[in-house]
Amino acid sequence: MCKKALVVFSISNELFQILLNISINNLNSKQKKIIIHLRNNNVNINVTRIIENLSENLKCSKSTIWNNLKVLKKYKLIDYGSLNNKGIPINITNIGRFISEYLEEKHDRPKNL
């Protein structure tokens, strides 16, 4: 049986605010809408299946959704399967959750969500 180590770390509040502001300022409105949607809807499906839903909700093309999901994954705000790990459900990471909550608290929530 393999046990996972619990890694605990802390950063200063100032550093956290800096990282948060950098993340917020680099996200476009569609990316903000996507992470808020994922957090609020607790989806448990693979990324291919959620594309249609997001495309309809955000009223944009599927390729636009794919491009924005790739950016969010690159920023480590969401995670989903790849060619080597097919079928892994899309999920929002802990930092993605913090950022989406921050967006709603600070009233920086994108319109038409």
N, C-alpha and C. Protein backbone atom coordinates (compact mmCIF):
# COMPACT_ATOMS: atom_id res chain seq x y z
N MET A 1 0.84 -1.18 0.00
CA MET A 1 0.00 0.00 0.00
C MET A 1 0.89 1.24 0.00
N CYS A 2 0.63 2.11 -0.94
CA CYS A 2 1.41 3.34 -1.06
C CYS A 2 0.68 4.49 -0.39
N LYS A 3 1.37 5.15 0.53
CA LYS A 3 0.75 6.29 1.21
C LYS A 3 1.27 7.57 0.59
N LYS A 4 0.37 8.54 0.44
CA LYS A 4 0.75 9.83 -0.10
C LYS A 4 1.16 10.74 1.04
N ALA A 5 2.19 11.52 0.82
CA ALA A 5 2.64 12.46 1.83
C ALA A 5 1.78 13.72 1.75
N LEU A 6 1.47 14.26 2.89
CA LEU A 6 0.73 15.51 2.97
C LEU A 6 1.72 16.65 2.95
N VAL A 7 1.60 17.50 1.96
CA VAL A 7 2.50 18.64 1.84
C VAL A 7 1.75 19.89 2.27
N VAL A 8 2.27 20.55 3.25
CA VAL A 8 1.65 21.76 3.76
C VAL A 8 2.63 22.90 3.56
N PHE A 9 2.15 23.97 3.00
CA PHE A 9 3.00 25.14 2.84
C PHE A 9 2.15 26.38 3.05
N SER A 10 2.82 27.46 3.31
CA SER A 10 2.10 28.72 3.45
C SER A 10 2.89 29.80 2.74
N ILE A 11 2.16 30.78 2.28
CA ILE A 11 2.79 31.94 1.68
C ILE A 11 2.22 33.16 2.37
N SER A 12 2.94 34.23 2.29
CA SER A 12 2.47 35.44 2.95
C SER A 12 1.21 35.94 2.24
N ASN A 13 0.40 36.65 2.98
CA ASN A 13 -0.82 37.21 2.42
C ASN A 13 -0.50 38.15 1.25
N GLU A 14 0.58 38.90 1.39
CA GLU A 14 0.97 39.83 0.32
C GLU A 14 1.34 39.08 -0.95
N LEU A 15 2.11 38.01 -0.82
CA LEU A 15 2.48 37.21 -1.99
C LEU A 15 1.25 36.57 -2.61
N PHE A 16 0.34 36.08 -1.78
CA PHE A 16 -0.90 35.48 -2.28
C PHE A 16 -1.69 36.51 -3.08
N GLN A 17 -1.81 37.74 -2.57
CA GLN A 17 -2.54 38.80 -3.28
C GLN A 17 -1.89 39.13 -4.62
N ILE A 18 -0.57 39.14 -4.63
CA ILE A 18 0.15 39.41 -5.88
C ILE A 18 -0.14 38.32 -6.91
N LEU A 19 -0.04 37.06 -6.50
CA LEU A 19 -0.32 35.95 -7.41
C LEU A 19 -1.77 35.97 -7.88
N LEU A 20 -2.67 36.28 -6.97
CA LEU A 20 -4.08 36.36 -7.31
C LEU A 20 -4.33 37.46 -8.34
N ASN A 21 -3.76 38.63 -8.11
CA ASN A 21 -3.95 39.75 -9.04
C ASN A 21 -3.35 39.46 -10.42
N ILE A 22 -2.20 38.82 -10.44
CA ILE A 22 -1.60 38.44 -11.73
C ILE A 22 -2.53 37.49 -12.46
N SER A 23 -3.05 36.50 -11.75
CA SER A 23 -3.96 35.54 -12.38
C SER A 23 -5.21 36.21 -12.89
N ILE A 24 -5.82 37.04 -12.06
CA ILE A 24 -7.07 37.72 -12.42
C ILE A 24 -6.87 38.61 -13.65
N ASN A 25 -5.79 39.36 -13.67
CA ASN A 25 -5.57 40.30 -14.76
C ASN A 25 -5.21 39.61 -16.08
N ASN A 26 -4.75 38.37 -16.01
CA ASN A 26 -4.39 37.66 -17.23
C ASN A 26 -5.53 36.81 -17.79
N LEU A 27 -6.63 36.70 -17.06
CA LEU A 27 -7.77 35.93 -17.55
C LEU A 27 -8.71 36.81 -18.34
N ASN A 28 -9.19 36.31 -19.48
CA ASN A 28 -10.20 37.06 -20.23
C ASN A 28 -11.58 36.73 -19.67
N SER A 29 -12.61 37.39 -20.15
CA SER A 29 -13.95 37.21 -19.58
C SER A 29 -14.48 35.79 -19.79
N LYS A 30 -14.18 35.17 -20.92
CA LYS A 30 -14.64 33.79 -21.15
C LYS A 30 -13.96 32.83 -20.18
N GLN A 31 -12.68 33.01 -19.94
CA GLN A 31 -11.97 32.16 -19.00
C GLN A 31 -12.54 32.31 -17.59
N LYS A 32 -12.88 33.53 -17.21
CA LYS A 32 -13.51 33.77 -15.91
C LYS A 32 -14.86 33.07 -15.84
N LYS A 33 -15.63 33.17 -16.91
CA LYS A 33 -16.94 32.52 -16.94
C LYS A 33 -16.80 31.00 -16.84
N ILE A 34 -15.81 30.46 -17.51
CA ILE A 34 -15.61 29.00 -17.50
C ILE A 34 -15.27 28.51 -16.10
N ILE A 35 -14.33 29.15 -15.41
CA ILE A 35 -13.97 28.63 -14.08
C ILE A 35 -15.11 28.82 -13.08
N ILE A 36 -15.88 29.90 -13.23
CA ILE A 36 -17.04 30.08 -12.36
C ILE A 36 -18.08 29.01 -12.66
N HIS A 37 -18.31 28.73 -13.93
CA HIS A 37 -19.27 27.69 -14.32
C HIS A 37 -18.86 26.33 -13.76
N LEU A 38 -17.58 26.00 -13.90
CA LEU A 38 -17.10 24.70 -13.42
C LEU A 38 -17.23 24.59 -11.90
N ARG A 39 -16.94 25.67 -11.20
CA ARG A 39 -17.05 25.63 -9.73
C ARG A 39 -18.50 25.52 -9.30
N ASN A 40 -19.38 26.26 -9.94
CA ASN A 40 -20.79 26.29 -9.52
C ASN A 40 -21.57 25.04 -9.93
N ASN A 41 -21.09 24.31 -10.92
CA ASN A 41 -21.86 23.18 -11.43
C ASN A 41 -21.28 21.81 -11.10
N ASN A 42 -20.14 21.75 -10.45
CA ASN A 42 -19.55 20.47 -10.03
C ASN A 42 -19.69 19.38 -11.10
N VAL A 43 -19.24 19.69 -12.29
CA VAL A 43 -19.35 18.72 -13.38
C VAL A 43 -18.39 17.56 -13.15
N ASN A 44 -18.80 16.39 -13.57
CA ASN A 44 -17.97 15.20 -13.43
C ASN A 44 -17.98 14.43 -14.75
N ILE A 45 -17.64 15.14 -15.83
CA ILE A 45 -17.61 14.53 -17.16
C ILE A 45 -16.29 14.89 -17.83
N ASN A 46 -15.96 14.16 -18.89
CA ASN A 46 -14.69 14.48 -19.56
C ASN A 46 -14.83 15.78 -20.36
N VAL A 47 -13.70 16.32 -20.72
CA VAL A 47 -13.65 17.65 -21.32
C VAL A 47 -14.40 17.71 -22.65
N THR A 48 -14.34 16.66 -23.45
CA THR A 48 -15.01 16.66 -24.75
C THR A 48 -16.51 16.87 -24.59
N ARG A 49 -17.08 16.26 -23.58
CA ARG A 49 -18.53 16.37 -23.39
C ARG A 49 -18.97 17.72 -22.84
N ILE A 50 -18.12 18.40 -22.12
CA ILE A 50 -18.53 19.69 -21.57
C ILE A 50 -18.40 20.83 -22.58
N ILE A 51 -17.65 20.60 -23.65
CA ILE A 51 -17.46 21.64 -24.68
C ILE A 51 -18.80 22.12 -25.23
N GLU A 52 -19.67 21.20 -25.56
CA GLU A 52 -20.99 21.55 -26.12
C GLU A 52 -21.77 22.43 -25.14
N ASN A 53 -21.80 22.02 -23.89
CA ASN A 53 -22.52 22.76 -22.85
C ASN A 53 -21.97 24.17 -22.69
N LEU A 54 -20.66 24.29 -22.59
CA LEU A 54 -20.04 25.60 -22.42
C LEU A 54 -20.24 26.48 -23.66
N SER A 55 -20.17 25.87 -24.83
CA SER A 55 -20.37 26.60 -26.07
C SER A 55 -21.76 27.23 -26.12
N GLU A 56 -22.77 26.47 -25.71
CA GLU A 56 -24.14 26.99 -25.68
C GLU A 56 -24.31 28.06 -24.61
N ASN A 57 -23.80 27.80 -23.41
CA ASN A 57 -23.96 28.75 -22.30
C ASN A 57 -23.23 30.07 -22.54
N LEU A 58 -22.05 30.00 -23.14
CA LEU A 58 -21.25 31.21 -23.35
C LEU A 58 -21.46 31.83 -24.73
N LYS A 59 -22.27 31.16 -25.55
CA LYS A 59 -22.59 31.65 -26.89
C LYS A 59 -21.34 31.95 -27.71
N CYS A 60 -20.50 30.93 -27.80
CA CYS A 60 -19.29 31.06 -28.62
C CYS A 60 -18.96 29.70 -29.23
N SER A 61 -18.01 29.69 -30.13
CA SER A 61 -17.69 28.46 -30.85
C SER A 61 -16.98 27.44 -29.95
N LYS A 62 -17.04 26.20 -30.37
CA LYS A 62 -16.37 25.13 -29.63
C LYS A 62 -14.86 25.32 -29.64
N SER A 63 -14.33 25.83 -30.74
CA SER A 63 -12.88 26.04 -30.81
C SER A 63 -12.44 27.13 -29.82
N THR A 64 -13.29 28.13 -29.62
CA THR A 64 -12.99 29.17 -28.63
C THR A 64 -12.96 28.58 -27.23
N ILE A 65 -13.92 27.70 -26.95
CA ILE A 65 -13.94 27.03 -25.64
C ILE A 65 -12.68 26.19 -25.46
N TRP A 66 -12.33 25.39 -26.48
CA TRP A 66 -11.12 24.57 -26.39
C TRP A 66 -9.89 25.43 -26.10
N ASN A 67 -9.74 26.52 -26.83
CA ASN A 67 -8.58 27.39 -26.65
C ASN A 67 -8.53 27.96 -25.23
N ASN A 68 -9.68 28.38 -24.71
CA ASN A 68 -9.72 28.93 -23.36
C ASN A 68 -9.47 27.86 -22.30
N LEU A 69 -9.96 26.65 -22.52
CA LEU A 69 -9.70 25.55 -21.58
C LEU A 69 -8.21 25.22 -21.55
N LYS A 70 -7.56 25.26 -22.70
CA LYS A 70 -6.12 24.98 -22.75
C LYS A 70 -5.34 26.01 -21.95
N VAL A 71 -5.75 27.27 -22.03
CA VAL A 71 -5.08 28.33 -21.26
C VAL A 71 -5.30 28.10 -19.77
N LEU A 72 -6.53 27.79 -19.37
CA LEU A 72 -6.83 27.56 -17.96
C LEU A 72 -6.05 26.35 -17.43
N LYS A 73 -5.88 25.34 -18.26
CA LYS A 73 -5.10 24.17 -17.85
C LYS A 73 -3.63 24.55 -17.72
N LYS A 74 -3.14 25.34 -18.65
CA LYS A 74 -1.74 25.79 -18.61
C LYS A 74 -1.48 26.60 -17.33
N TYR A 75 -2.43 27.41 -16.91
CA TYR A 75 -2.32 28.20 -15.68
C TYR A 75 -2.57 27.36 -14.43
N LYS A 76 -2.89 26.07 -14.61
CA LYS A 76 -3.17 25.15 -13.50
C LYS A 76 -4.43 25.53 -12.72
N LEU A 77 -5.40 26.13 -13.41
CA LEU A 77 -6.67 26.49 -12.77
C LEU A 77 -7.70 25.39 -12.95
N ILE A 78 -7.52 24.58 -13.98
CA ILE A 78 -8.36 23.40 -14.20
C ILE A 78 -7.45 22.25 -14.60
N ASP A 79 -8.02 21.06 -14.58
CA ASP A 79 -7.28 19.89 -15.03
C ASP A 79 -8.24 18.95 -15.74
N TYR A 80 -7.75 18.26 -16.73
CA TYR A 80 -8.54 17.26 -17.46
C TYR A 80 -7.59 16.33 -18.17
N GLY A 81 -8.11 15.28 -18.74
CA GLY A 81 -7.31 14.26 -19.39
C GLY A 81 -6.52 14.76 -20.59
N SER A 82 -5.65 13.91 -21.08
CA SER A 82 -4.83 14.22 -22.24
C SER A 82 -4.80 12.98 -23.15
N LEU A 83 -3.99 13.01 -24.17
CA LEU A 83 -3.87 11.85 -25.05
C LEU A 83 -3.43 10.61 -24.27
N ASN A 84 -2.59 10.80 -23.27
CA ASN A 84 -2.09 9.68 -22.48
C ASN A 84 -3.03 9.29 -21.34
N ASN A 85 -3.92 10.20 -20.95
CA ASN A 85 -4.85 9.96 -19.83
C ASN A 85 -6.28 10.28 -20.24
N LYS A 86 -6.79 9.57 -21.21
CA LYS A 86 -8.14 9.86 -21.72
C LYS A 86 -9.20 9.51 -20.69
N GLY A 87 -10.30 10.26 -20.73
CA GLY A 87 -11.46 9.96 -19.90
C GLY A 87 -11.43 10.56 -18.51
N ILE A 88 -10.36 11.26 -18.15
CA ILE A 88 -10.30 11.88 -16.83
C ILE A 88 -11.25 13.08 -16.83
N PRO A 89 -12.16 13.16 -15.85
CA PRO A 89 -13.12 14.25 -15.83
C PRO A 89 -12.44 15.61 -15.63
N ILE A 90 -13.06 16.62 -16.20
CA ILE A 90 -12.56 17.98 -16.01
C ILE A 90 -12.87 18.41 -14.57
N ASN A 91 -11.92 19.06 -13.94
CA ASN A 91 -12.18 19.58 -12.61
C ASN A 91 -11.41 20.87 -12.39
N ILE A 92 -11.90 21.65 -11.47
CA ILE A 92 -11.27 22.91 -11.13
C ILE A 92 -10.27 22.64 -10.00
N THR A 93 -9.09 23.21 -10.11
CA THR A 93 -8.07 23.01 -9.08
C THR A 93 -8.37 23.89 -7.87
N ASN A 94 -7.64 23.67 -6.81
CA ASN A 94 -7.86 24.49 -5.61
C ASN A 94 -7.62 25.97 -5.88
N ILE A 95 -6.55 26.29 -6.61
CA ILE A 95 -6.30 27.71 -6.89
C ILE A 95 -7.35 28.25 -7.84
N GLY A 96 -7.84 27.43 -8.77
CA GLY A 96 -8.94 27.84 -9.65
C GLY A 96 -10.20 28.15 -8.86
N ARG A 97 -10.45 27.34 -7.83
CA ARG A 97 -11.60 27.56 -6.95
C ARG A 97 -11.45 28.89 -6.19
N PHE A 98 -10.24 29.13 -5.65
CA PHE A 98 -9.99 30.39 -4.94
C PHE A 98 -10.22 31.59 -5.86
N ILE A 99 -9.71 31.48 -7.07
CA ILE A 99 -9.84 32.60 -8.01
C ILE A 99 -11.29 32.84 -8.40
N SER A 100 -12.03 31.78 -8.66
CA SER A 100 -13.45 31.96 -9.03
C SER A 100 -14.25 32.53 -7.87
N GLU A 101 -13.94 32.11 -6.65
CA GLU A 101 -14.61 32.69 -5.49
C GLU A 101 -14.25 34.16 -5.33
N TYR A 102 -12.99 34.48 -5.53
CA TYR A 102 -12.53 35.86 -5.45
C TYR A 102 -13.24 36.73 -6.49
N LEU A 103 -13.39 36.21 -7.70
CA LEU A 103 -14.08 36.96 -8.76
C LEU A 103 -15.50 37.33 -8.33
N GLU A 104 -16.20 36.38 -7.74
CA GLU A 104 -17.58 36.64 -7.32
C GLU A 104 -17.63 37.58 -6.11
N GLU A 105 -16.72 37.41 -5.18
CA GLU A 105 -16.70 38.28 -4.00
C GLU A 105 -16.39 39.72 -4.36
N LYS A 106 -15.48 39.91 -5.27
CA LYS A 106 -15.04 41.26 -5.64
C LYS A 106 -15.92 41.86 -6.74
N HIS A 107 -17.01 41.20 -7.05
CA HIS A 107 -17.95 41.68 -8.07
C HIS A 107 -17.29 41.86 -9.42
N ASP A 108 -16.25 41.07 -9.67
CA ASP A 108 -15.60 41.08 -10.97
C ASP A 108 -16.15 39.94 -11.81
N ARG A 109 -17.31 39.45 -11.38
CA ARG A 109 -17.95 38.33 -12.09
C ARG A 109 -18.36 38.78 -13.48
N PRO A 110 -18.00 38.03 -14.48
CA PRO A 110 -18.39 38.39 -15.85
C PRO A 110 -19.90 38.42 -16.02
N LYS A 111 -20.36 39.32 -16.83
CA LYS A 111 -21.80 39.41 -17.10
C LYS A 111 -22.24 38.27 -17.99
N ASN A 112 -23.56 38.03 -18.01
CA ASN A 112 -24.17 36.99 -18.85
C ASN A 112 -23.69 35.59 -18.51
N LEU A 113 -23.56 35.31 -17.25
CA LEU A 113 -23.17 33.97 -16.86
C LEU A 113 -24.36 33.23 -16.34
